[in-house]
Amino acid sequence: MSFETILDRMAAIHKAKNTDYGSSTNLAPPELLGIPAHIGILVQMTEKLTRACKLAQGQAPQVEGGALTDTLIDLASYAVSAVLAIEGGG
């Protein structure tokens, strides 16, 4: 596996989740609450990081696609979304 393979996998997961849940590039909801979009994304990242730490410590995932590697890929995707929010590319 290579860095580029993981990036391709991340992009595929991101696209699939956008199809299932709607566009994750819609940054309006946090801003409706007076929270900058990138701050809202950072909150989501802390939740993912907490989950990653629990999985790394041996907690069994309770949902499909909940493995540590999947959670880390989600975390990376959130990081890209935060950069887009900060730089106005969202």
PDB file of N, CA and C in Angstrom:
ATOM      1  N   MET A   1       0.855  -1.175   0.000  1.00  0.00           N
ATOM      2  CA  MET A   1       0.000   0.000   0.000  1.00  0.00           C
ATOM      3  C   MET A   1       0.902   1.240   0.000  1.00  0.00           C
ATOM      4  N   SER A   2       0.449   2.262  -0.721  1.00  0.00           N
ATOM      5  CA  SER A   2       1.231   3.490  -0.807  1.00  0.00           C
ATOM      6  C   SER A   2       0.410   4.664  -0.278  1.00  0.00           C
ATOM      7  N   PHE A   3       1.081   5.782  -0.074  1.00  0.00           N
ATOM      8  CA  PHE A   3       0.433   7.021   0.362  1.00  0.00           C
ATOM      9  C   PHE A   3      -0.685   7.384  -0.614  1.00  0.00           C
ATOM     10  N   GLU A   4      -0.378   7.302  -1.908  1.00  0.00           N
ATOM     11  CA  GLU A   4      -1.359   7.652  -2.937  1.00  0.00           C
ATOM     12  C   GLU A   4      -2.556   6.709  -2.920  1.00  0.00           C
ATOM     13  N   THR A   5      -2.326   5.441  -2.638  1.00  0.00           N
ATOM     14  CA  THR A   5      -3.425   4.472  -2.546  1.00  0.00           C
ATOM     15  C   THR A   5      -4.372   4.857  -1.412  1.00  0.00           C
ATOM     16  N   ILE A   6      -3.810   5.263  -0.303  1.00  0.00           N
ATOM     17  CA  ILE A   6      -4.637   5.673   0.838  1.00  0.00           C
ATOM     18  C   ILE A   6      -5.406   6.946   0.504  1.00  0.00           C
ATOM     19  N   LEU A   7      -4.752   7.891  -0.197  1.00  0.00           N
ATOM     20  CA  LEU A   7      -5.455   9.114  -0.608  1.00  0.00           C
ATOM     21  C   LEU A   7      -6.614   8.783  -1.550  1.00  0.00           C
ATOM     22  N   ASP A   8      -6.389   7.849  -2.472  1.00  0.00           N
ATOM     23  CA  ASP A   8      -7.460   7.423  -3.384  1.00  0.00           C
ATOM     24  C   ASP A   8      -8.606   6.787  -2.596  1.00  0.00           C
ATOM     25  N   ARG A   9      -8.256   5.969  -1.620  1.00  0.00           N
ATOM     26  CA  ARG A   9      -9.275   5.324  -0.770  1.00  0.00           C
ATOM     27  C   ARG A   9     -10.057   6.382   0.007  1.00  0.00           C
ATOM     28  N   MET A  10      -9.346   7.375   0.543  1.00  0.00           N
ATOM     29  CA  MET A  10      -9.994   8.454   1.290  1.00  0.00           C
ATOM     30  C   MET A  10     -10.971   9.201   0.389  1.00  0.00           C
ATOM     31  N   ALA A  11     -10.557   9.503  -0.844  1.00  0.00           N
ATOM     32  CA  ALA A  11     -11.431  10.214  -1.780  1.00  0.00           C
ATOM     33  C   ALA A  11     -12.671   9.384  -2.115  1.00  0.00           C
ATOM     34  N   ALA A  12     -12.499   8.086  -2.292  1.00  0.00           N
ATOM     35  CA  ALA A  12     -13.635   7.211  -2.603  1.00  0.00           C
ATOM     36  C   ALA A  12     -14.619   7.153  -1.433  1.00  0.00           C
ATOM     37  N   ILE A  13     -14.097   7.039  -0.221  1.00  0.00           N
ATOM     38  CA  ILE A  13     -14.959   7.014   0.973  1.00  0.00           C
ATOM     39  C   ILE A  13     -15.686   8.342   1.118  1.00  0.00           C
ATOM     40  N   HIS A  14     -14.970   9.436   0.916  1.00  0.00           N
ATOM     41  CA  HIS A  14     -15.554  10.775   1.016  1.00  0.00           C
ATOM     42  C   HIS A  14     -16.709  10.925   0.014  1.00  0.00           C
ATOM     43  N   LYS A  15     -16.483  10.488  -1.213  1.00  0.00           N
ATOM     44  CA  LYS A  15     -17.508  10.574  -2.248  1.00  0.00           C
ATOM     45  C   LYS A  15     -18.726   9.720  -1.878  1.00  0.00           C
ATOM     46  N   ALA A  16     -18.487   8.508  -1.402  1.00  0.00           N
ATOM     47  CA  ALA A  16     -19.583   7.610  -1.022  1.00  0.00           C
ATOM     48  C   ALA A  16     -20.395   8.186   0.135  1.00  0.00           C
ATOM     49  N   LYS A  17     -19.716   8.743   1.133  1.00  0.00           N
ATOM     50  CA  LYS A  17     -20.431   9.317   2.276  1.00  0.00           C
ATOM     51  C   LYS A  17     -21.223  10.546   1.861  1.00  0.00           C
ATOM     52  N   ASN A  18     -20.696  11.342   0.927  1.00  0.00           N
ATOM     53  CA  ASN A  18     -21.448  12.491   0.432  1.00  0.00           C
ATOM     54  C   ASN A  18     -22.708  12.037  -0.292  1.00  0.00           C
ATOM     55  N   THR A  19     -22.632  10.911  -0.973  1.00  0.00           N
ATOM     56  CA  THR A  19     -23.808  10.362  -1.648  1.00  0.00           C
ATOM     57  C   THR A  19     -24.844   9.912  -0.615  1.00  0.00           C
ATOM     58  N   ASP A  20     -24.378   9.260   0.445  1.00  0.00           N
ATOM     59  CA  ASP A  20     -25.283   8.751   1.482  1.00  0.00           C
ATOM     60  C   ASP A  20     -25.855   9.851   2.373  1.00  0.00           C
ATOM     61  N   TYR A  21     -25.001  10.796   2.784  1.00  0.00           N
ATOM     62  CA  TYR A  21     -25.386  11.760   3.818  1.00  0.00           C
ATOM     63  C   TYR A  21     -25.557  13.185   3.318  1.00  0.00           C
ATOM     64  N   GLY A  22     -25.235  13.451   2.054  1.00  0.00           N
ATOM     65  CA  GLY A  22     -25.262  14.821   1.555  1.00  0.00           C
ATOM     66  C   GLY A  22     -23.863  15.396   1.601  1.00  0.00           C
ATOM     67  N   SER A  23     -23.699  16.510   0.954  1.00  0.00           N
ATOM     68  CA  SER A  23     -22.372  17.099   0.799  1.00  0.00           C
ATOM     69  C   SER A  23     -21.751  17.510   2.125  1.00  0.00           C
ATOM     70  N   SER A  24     -20.549  17.025   2.380  1.00  0.00           N
ATOM     71  CA  SER A  24     -19.819  17.441   3.579  1.00  0.00           C
ATOM     72  C   SER A  24     -19.139  18.776   3.361  1.00  0.00           C
ATOM     73  N   THR A  25     -19.222  19.292   2.133  1.00  0.00           N
ATOM     74  CA  THR A  25     -18.642  20.609   1.885  1.00  0.00           C
ATOM     75  C   THR A  25     -19.646  21.715   2.158  1.00  0.00           C
ATOM     76  N   ASN A  26     -20.854  21.355   2.610  1.00  0.00           N
ATOM     77  CA  ASN A  26     -21.823  22.362   3.019  1.00  0.00           C
ATOM     78  C   ASN A  26     -21.412  22.850   4.402  1.00  0.00           C
ATOM     79  N   LEU A  27     -20.796  24.019   4.442  1.00  0.00           N
ATOM     80  CA  LEU A  27     -20.234  24.522   5.691  1.00  0.00           C
ATOM     81  C   LEU A  27     -21.192  25.451   6.424  1.00  0.00           C
ATOM     82  N   ALA A  28     -22.431  25.585   5.917  1.00  0.00           N
ATOM     83  CA  ALA A  28     -23.375  26.518   6.517  1.00  0.00           C
ATOM     84  C   ALA A  28     -23.850  26.133   7.916  1.00  0.00           C
ATOM     85  N   PRO A  29     -24.132  24.847   8.229  1.00  0.00           N
ATOM     86  CA  PRO A  29     -24.709  24.548   9.547  1.00  0.00           C
ATOM     87  C   PRO A  29     -23.932  25.109  10.740  1.00  0.00           C
ATOM     88  N   PRO A  30     -22.606  24.926  10.848  1.00  0.00           N
ATOM     89  CA  PRO A  30     -21.933  25.530  12.003  1.00  0.00           C
ATOM     90  C   PRO A  30     -22.042  27.054  11.998  1.00  0.00           C
ATOM     91  N   GLU A  31     -21.980  27.640  10.810  1.00  0.00           N
ATOM     92  CA  GLU A  31     -22.034  29.096  10.723  1.00  0.00           C
ATOM     93  C   GLU A  31     -23.414  29.628  11.097  1.00  0.00           C
ATOM     94  N   LEU A  32     -24.464  28.821  10.905  1.00  0.00           N
ATOM     95  CA  LEU A  32     -25.801  29.225  11.337  1.00  0.00           C
ATOM     96  C   LEU A  32     -25.861  29.389  12.855  1.00  0.00           C
ATOM     97  N   LEU A  33     -24.987  28.672  13.544  1.00  0.00           N
ATOM     98  CA  LEU A  33     -24.930  28.749  15.008  1.00  0.00           C
ATOM     99  C   LEU A  33     -23.900  29.773  15.484  1.00  0.00           C
ATOM    100  N   GLY A  34     -23.336  30.522  14.543  1.00  0.00           N
ATOM    101  CA  GLY A  34     -22.329  31.517  14.908  1.00  0.00           C
ATOM    102  C   GLY A  34     -20.952  30.916  15.137  1.00  0.00           C
ATOM    103  N   ILE A  35     -20.740  29.693  14.648  1.00  0.00           N
ATOM    104  CA  ILE A  35     -19.461  29.007  14.803  1.00  0.00           C
ATOM    105  C   ILE A  35     -18.799  28.951  13.434  1.00  0.00           C
ATOM    106  N   PRO A  36     -17.555  29.416  13.317  1.00  0.00           N
ATOM    107  CA  PRO A  36     -16.877  29.284  12.029  1.00  0.00           C
ATOM    108  C   PRO A  36     -16.818  27.812  11.606  1.00  0.00           C
ATOM    109  N   ALA A  37     -16.964  27.573  10.310  1.00  0.00           N
ATOM    110  CA  ALA A  37     -17.016  26.204   9.792  1.00  0.00           C
ATOM    111  C   ALA A  37     -15.815  25.378  10.224  1.00  0.00           C
ATOM    112  N   HIS A  38     -14.619  25.961  10.175  1.00  0.00           N
ATOM    113  CA  HIS A  38     -13.426  25.173  10.519  1.00  0.00           C
ATOM    114  C   HIS A  38     -13.427  24.777  11.993  1.00  0.00           C
ATOM    115  N   ILE A  39     -14.043  25.577  12.846  1.00  0.00           N
ATOM    116  CA  ILE A  39     -14.145  25.218  14.270  1.00  0.00           C
ATOM    117  C   ILE A  39     -15.118  24.048  14.433  1.00  0.00           C
ATOM    118  N   GLY A  40     -16.225  24.084  13.712  1.00  0.00           N
ATOM    119  CA  GLY A  40     -17.165  22.967  13.746  1.00  0.00           C
ATOM    120  C   GLY A  40     -16.506  21.671  13.299  1.00  0.00           C
ATOM    121  N   ILE A  41     -15.680  21.776  12.263  1.00  0.00           N
ATOM    122  CA  ILE A  41     -14.969  20.589  11.770  1.00  0.00           C
ATOM    123  C   ILE A  41     -13.957  20.110  12.806  1.00  0.00           C
ATOM    124  N   LEU A  42     -13.285  21.030  13.474  1.00  0.00           N
ATOM    125  CA  LEU A  42     -12.328  20.633  14.519  1.00  0.00           C
ATOM    126  C   LEU A  42     -13.029  19.887  15.648  1.00  0.00           C
ATOM    127  N   VAL A  43     -14.252  20.274  15.975  1.00  0.00           N
ATOM    128  CA  VAL A  43     -15.019  19.547  16.992  1.00  0.00           C
ATOM    129  C   VAL A  43     -15.257  18.117  16.522  1.00  0.00           C
ATOM    130  N   GLN A  44     -15.663  17.959  15.257  1.00  0.00           N
ATOM    131  CA  GLN A  44     -15.870  16.617  14.717  1.00  0.00           C
ATOM    132  C   GLN A  44     -14.565  15.821  14.745  1.00  0.00           C
ATOM    133  N   MET A  45     -13.444  16.498  14.487  1.00  0.00           N
ATOM    134  CA  MET A  45     -12.151  15.815  14.503  1.00  0.00           C
ATOM    135  C   MET A  45     -11.801  15.320  15.898  1.00  0.00           C
ATOM    136  N   THR A  46     -12.154  16.086  16.933  1.00  0.00           N
ATOM    137  CA  THR A  46     -11.849  15.626  18.293  1.00  0.00           C
ATOM    138  C   THR A  46     -12.658  14.376  18.617  1.00  0.00           C
ATOM    139  N   GLU A  47     -13.900  14.317  18.112  1.00  0.00           N
ATOM    140  CA  GLU A  47     -14.721  13.117  18.327  1.00  0.00           C
ATOM    141  C   GLU A  47     -14.096  11.913  17.620  1.00  0.00           C
ATOM    142  N   LYS A  48     -13.610  12.109  16.400  1.00  0.00           N
ATOM    143  CA  LYS A  48     -12.952  11.020  15.664  1.00  0.00           C
ATOM    144  C   LYS A  48     -11.657  10.606  16.357  1.00  0.00           C
ATOM    145  N   LEU A  49     -10.901  11.571  16.862  1.00  0.00           N
ATOM    146  CA  LEU A  49      -9.648  11.248  17.541  1.00  0.00           C
ATOM    147  C   LEU A  49      -9.912  10.448  18.816  1.00  0.00           C
ATOM    148  N   THR A  50     -10.949  10.833  19.544  1.00  0.00           N
ATOM    149  CA  THR A  50     -11.326  10.074  20.739  1.00  0.00           C
ATOM    150  C   THR A  50     -11.663   8.635  20.371  1.00  0.00           C
ATOM    151  N   ARG A  51     -12.414   8.471  19.283  1.00  0.00           N
ATOM    152  CA  ARG A  51     -12.765   7.125  18.815  1.00  0.00           C
ATOM    153  C   ARG A  51     -11.511   6.352  18.412  1.00  0.00           C
ATOM    154  N   ALA A  52     -10.600   7.009  17.695  1.00  0.00           N
ATOM    155  CA  ALA A  52      -9.369   6.341  17.268  1.00  0.00           C
ATOM    156  C   ALA A  52      -8.566   5.873  18.479  1.00  0.00           C
ATOM    157  N   CYS A  53      -8.487   6.706  19.500  1.00  0.00           N
ATOM    158  CA  CYS A  53      -7.743   6.320  20.708  1.00  0.00           C
ATOM    159  C   CYS A  53      -8.372   5.103  21.381  1.00  0.00           C
ATOM    160  N   LYS A  54      -9.692   5.075  21.454  1.00  0.00           N
ATOM    161  CA  LYS A  54     -10.375   3.921  22.062  1.00  0.00           C
ATOM    162  C   LYS A  54     -10.123   2.650  21.252  1.00  0.00           C
ATOM    163  N   LEU A  55     -10.198   2.767  19.932  1.00  0.00           N
ATOM    164  CA  LEU A  55      -9.944   1.599  19.087  1.00  0.00           C
ATOM    165  C   LEU A  55      -8.498   1.138  19.209  1.00  0.00           C
ATOM    166  N   ALA A  56      -7.576   2.088  19.292  1.00  0.00           N
ATOM    167  CA  ALA A  56      -6.159   1.748  19.426  1.00  0.00           C
ATOM    168  C   ALA A  56      -5.872   1.047  20.746  1.00  0.00           C
ATOM    169  N   GLN A  57      -6.698   1.322  21.752  1.00  0.00           N
ATOM    170  CA  GLN A  57      -6.534   0.690  23.057  1.00  0.00           C
ATOM    171  C   GLN A  57      -7.261  -0.650  23.148  1.00  0.00           C
ATOM    172  N   GLY A  58      -7.856  -1.077  22.027  1.00  0.00           N
ATOM    173  CA  GLY A  58      -8.448  -2.407  21.995  1.00  0.00           C
ATOM    174  C   GLY A  58      -9.954  -2.480  22.036  1.00  0.00           C
ATOM    175  N   GLN A  59     -10.646  -1.344  22.124  1.00  0.00           N
ATOM    176  CA  GLN A  59     -12.109  -1.393  22.123  1.00  0.00           C
ATOM    177  C   GLN A  59     -12.588  -1.893  20.760  1.00  0.00           C
ATOM    178  N   ALA A  60     -13.481  -2.846  20.760  1.00  0.00           N
ATOM    179  CA  ALA A  60     -13.997  -3.405  19.508  1.00  0.00           C
ATOM    180  C   ALA A  60     -14.985  -2.440  18.882  1.00  0.00           C
ATOM    181  N   PRO A  61     -14.893  -2.238  17.566  1.00  0.00           N
ATOM    182  CA  PRO A  61     -15.862  -1.355  16.899  1.00  0.00           C
ATOM    183  C   PRO A  61     -17.255  -1.969  16.944  1.00  0.00           C
ATOM    184  N   GLN A  62     -18.258  -1.136  17.130  1.00  0.00           N
ATOM    185  CA  GLN A  62     -19.638  -1.604  17.212  1.00  0.00           C
ATOM    186  C   GLN A  62     -20.403  -1.380  15.914  1.00  0.00           C
ATOM    187  N   VAL A  63     -19.798  -0.652  14.983  1.00  0.00           N
ATOM    188  CA  VAL A  63     -20.458  -0.382  13.707  1.00  0.00           C
ATOM    189  C   VAL A  63     -19.575  -0.867  12.570  1.00  0.00           C
ATOM    190  N   GLU A  64     -20.226  -1.226  11.455  1.00  0.00           N
ATOM    191  CA  GLU A  64     -19.489  -1.645  10.273  1.00  0.00           C
ATOM    192  C   GLU A  64     -18.666  -0.468   9.773  1.00  0.00           C
ATOM    193  N   GLY A  65     -17.452  -0.736   9.352  1.00  0.00           N
ATOM    194  CA  GLY A  65     -16.579   0.334   8.881  1.00  0.00           C
ATOM    195  C   GLY A  65     -16.006   1.141  10.025  1.00  0.00           C
ATOM    196  N   GLY A  66     -16.003   0.561  11.210  1.00  0.00           N
ATOM    197  CA  GLY A  66     -15.546   1.291  12.380  1.00  0.00           C
ATOM    198  C   GLY A  66     -14.150   0.927  12.829  1.00  0.00           C
ATOM    199  N   ALA A  67     -13.385   0.284  11.970  1.00  0.00           N
ATOM    200  CA  ALA A  67     -12.027  -0.109  12.338  1.00  0.00           C
ATOM    201  C   ALA A  67     -11.144   1.127  12.504  1.00  0.00           C
ATOM    202  N   LEU A  68     -10.028   0.946  13.171  1.00  0.00           N
ATOM    203  CA  LEU A  68      -9.103   2.046  13.423  1.00  0.00           C
ATOM    204  C   LEU A  68      -8.662   2.708  12.119  1.00  0.00           C
ATOM    205  N   THR A  69      -8.312   1.924  11.114  1.00  0.00           N
ATOM    206  CA  THR A  69      -7.849   2.529   9.858  1.00  0.00           C
ATOM    207  C   THR A  69      -8.949   3.360   9.206  1.00  0.00           C
ATOM    208  N   ASP A  70     -10.195   2.898   9.259  1.00  0.00           N
ATOM    209  CA  ASP A  70     -11.304   3.669   8.699  1.00  0.00           C
ATOM    210  C   ASP A  70     -11.489   4.987   9.451  1.00  0.00           C
ATOM    211  N   THR A  71     -11.361   4.935  10.758  1.00  0.00           N
ATOM    212  CA  THR A  71     -11.505   6.136  11.574  1.00  0.00           C
ATOM    213  C   THR A  71     -10.386   7.130  11.271  1.00  0.00           C
ATOM    214  N   LEU A  72      -9.168   6.639  11.092  1.00  0.00           N
ATOM    215  CA  LEU A  72      -8.053   7.529  10.767  1.00  0.00           C
ATOM    216  C   LEU A  72      -8.236   8.160   9.390  1.00  0.00           C
ATOM    217  N   ILE A  73      -8.769   7.401   8.439  1.00  0.00           N
ATOM    218  CA  ILE A  73      -9.045   7.969   7.113  1.00  0.00           C
ATOM    219  C   ILE A  73     -10.127   9.037   7.224  1.00  0.00           C
ATOM    220  N   ASP A  74     -11.154   8.805   8.018  1.00  0.00           N
ATOM    221  CA  ASP A  74     -12.174   9.832   8.252  1.00  0.00           C
ATOM    222  C   ASP A  74     -11.551  11.090   8.858  1.00  0.00           C
ATOM    223  N   LEU A  75     -10.661  10.900   9.803  1.00  0.00           N
ATOM    224  CA  LEU A  75      -9.986  12.025  10.452  1.00  0.00           C
ATOM    225  C   LEU A  75      -9.192  12.842   9.436  1.00  0.00           C
ATOM    226  N   ALA A  76      -8.496  12.163   8.541  1.00  0.00           N
ATOM    227  CA  ALA A  76      -7.741  12.847   7.490  1.00  0.00           C
ATOM    228  C   ALA A  76      -8.677  13.623   6.566  1.00  0.00           C
ATOM    229  N   SER A  77      -9.817  13.035   6.256  1.00  0.00           N
ATOM    230  CA  SER A  77     -10.794  13.708   5.400  1.00  0.00           C
ATOM    231  C   SER A  77     -11.327  14.971   6.072  1.00  0.00           C
ATOM    232  N   TYR A  78     -11.589  14.885   7.366  1.00  0.00           N
ATOM    233  CA  TYR A  78     -12.005  16.075   8.107  1.00  0.00           C
ATOM    234  C   TYR A  78     -10.918  17.154   8.067  1.00  0.00           C
ATOM    235  N   ALA A  79      -9.670  16.754   8.155  1.00  0.00           N
ATOM    236  CA  ALA A  79      -8.573  17.729   8.112  1.00  0.00           C
ATOM    237  C   ALA A  79      -8.565  18.462   6.775  1.00  0.00           C
ATOM    238  N   VAL A  80      -8.771  17.729   5.683  1.00  0.00           N
ATOM    239  CA  VAL A  80      -8.825  18.356   4.361  1.00  0.00           C
ATOM    240  C   VAL A  80     -10.019  19.319   4.309  1.00  0.00           C
ATOM    241  N   SER A  81     -11.167  18.916   4.847  1.00  0.00           N
ATOM    242  CA  SER A  81     -12.334  19.784   4.872  1.00  0.00           C
ATOM    243  C   SER A  81     -12.070  21.061   5.666  1.00  0.00           C
ATOM    244  N   ALA A  82     -11.342  20.948   6.764  1.00  0.00           N
ATOM    245  CA  ALA A  82     -11.015  22.124   7.572  1.00  0.00           C
ATOM    246  C   ALA A  82     -10.126  23.085   6.779  1.00  0.00           C
ATOM    247  N   VAL A  83      -9.153  22.542   6.065  1.00  0.00           N
ATOM    248  CA  VAL A  83      -8.292  23.388   5.232  1.00  0.00           C
ATOM    249  C   VAL A  83      -9.142  24.108   4.188  1.00  0.00           C
ATOM    250  N   LEU A  84     -10.056  23.380   3.552  1.00  0.00           N
ATOM    251  CA  LEU A  84     -10.946  24.003   2.563  1.00  0.00           C
ATOM    252  C   LEU A  84     -11.790  25.110   3.191  1.00  0.00           C
ATOM    253  N   ALA A  85     -12.276  24.880   4.397  1.00  0.00           N
ATOM    254  CA  ALA A  85     -13.079  25.901   5.079  1.00  0.00           C
ATOM    255  C   ALA A  85     -12.252  27.148   5.374  1.00  0.00           C
ATOM    256  N   ILE A  86     -11.022  26.943   5.813  1.00  0.00           N
ATOM    257  CA  ILE A  86     -10.145  28.078   6.145  1.00  0.00           C
ATOM    258  C   ILE A  86      -9.760  28.848   4.890  1.00  0.00           C
ATOM    259  N   GLU A  87      -9.472  28.124   3.816  1.00  0.00           N
ATOM    260  CA  GLU A  87      -8.982  28.767   2.601  1.00  0.00           C
ATOM    261  C   GLU A  87     -10.101  29.159   1.638  1.00  0.00           C
ATOM    262  N   GLY A  88     -11.344  28.914   2.030  1.00  0.00           N
ATOM    263  CA  GLY A  88     -12.464  29.320   1.205  1.00  0.00           C
ATOM    264  C   GLY A  88     -12.749  28.412   0.039  1.00  0.00           C
ATOM    265  N   GLY A  89     -12.241  27.188   0.079  1.00  0.00           N
ATOM    266  CA  GLY A  89     -12.470  26.261  -1.022  1.00  0.00           C
ATOM    267  C   GLY A  89     -13.618  25.311  -0.783  1.00  0.00           C
ATOM    268  N   GLY A  90     -14.381  25.529   0.292  1.00  0.00           N
ATOM    269  CA  GLY A  90     -15.454  24.601   0.624  1.00  0.00           C
ATOM    270  C   GLY A  90     -16.657  24.849  -0.188  1.00  0.00           C
TER     271      GLY A  90
END
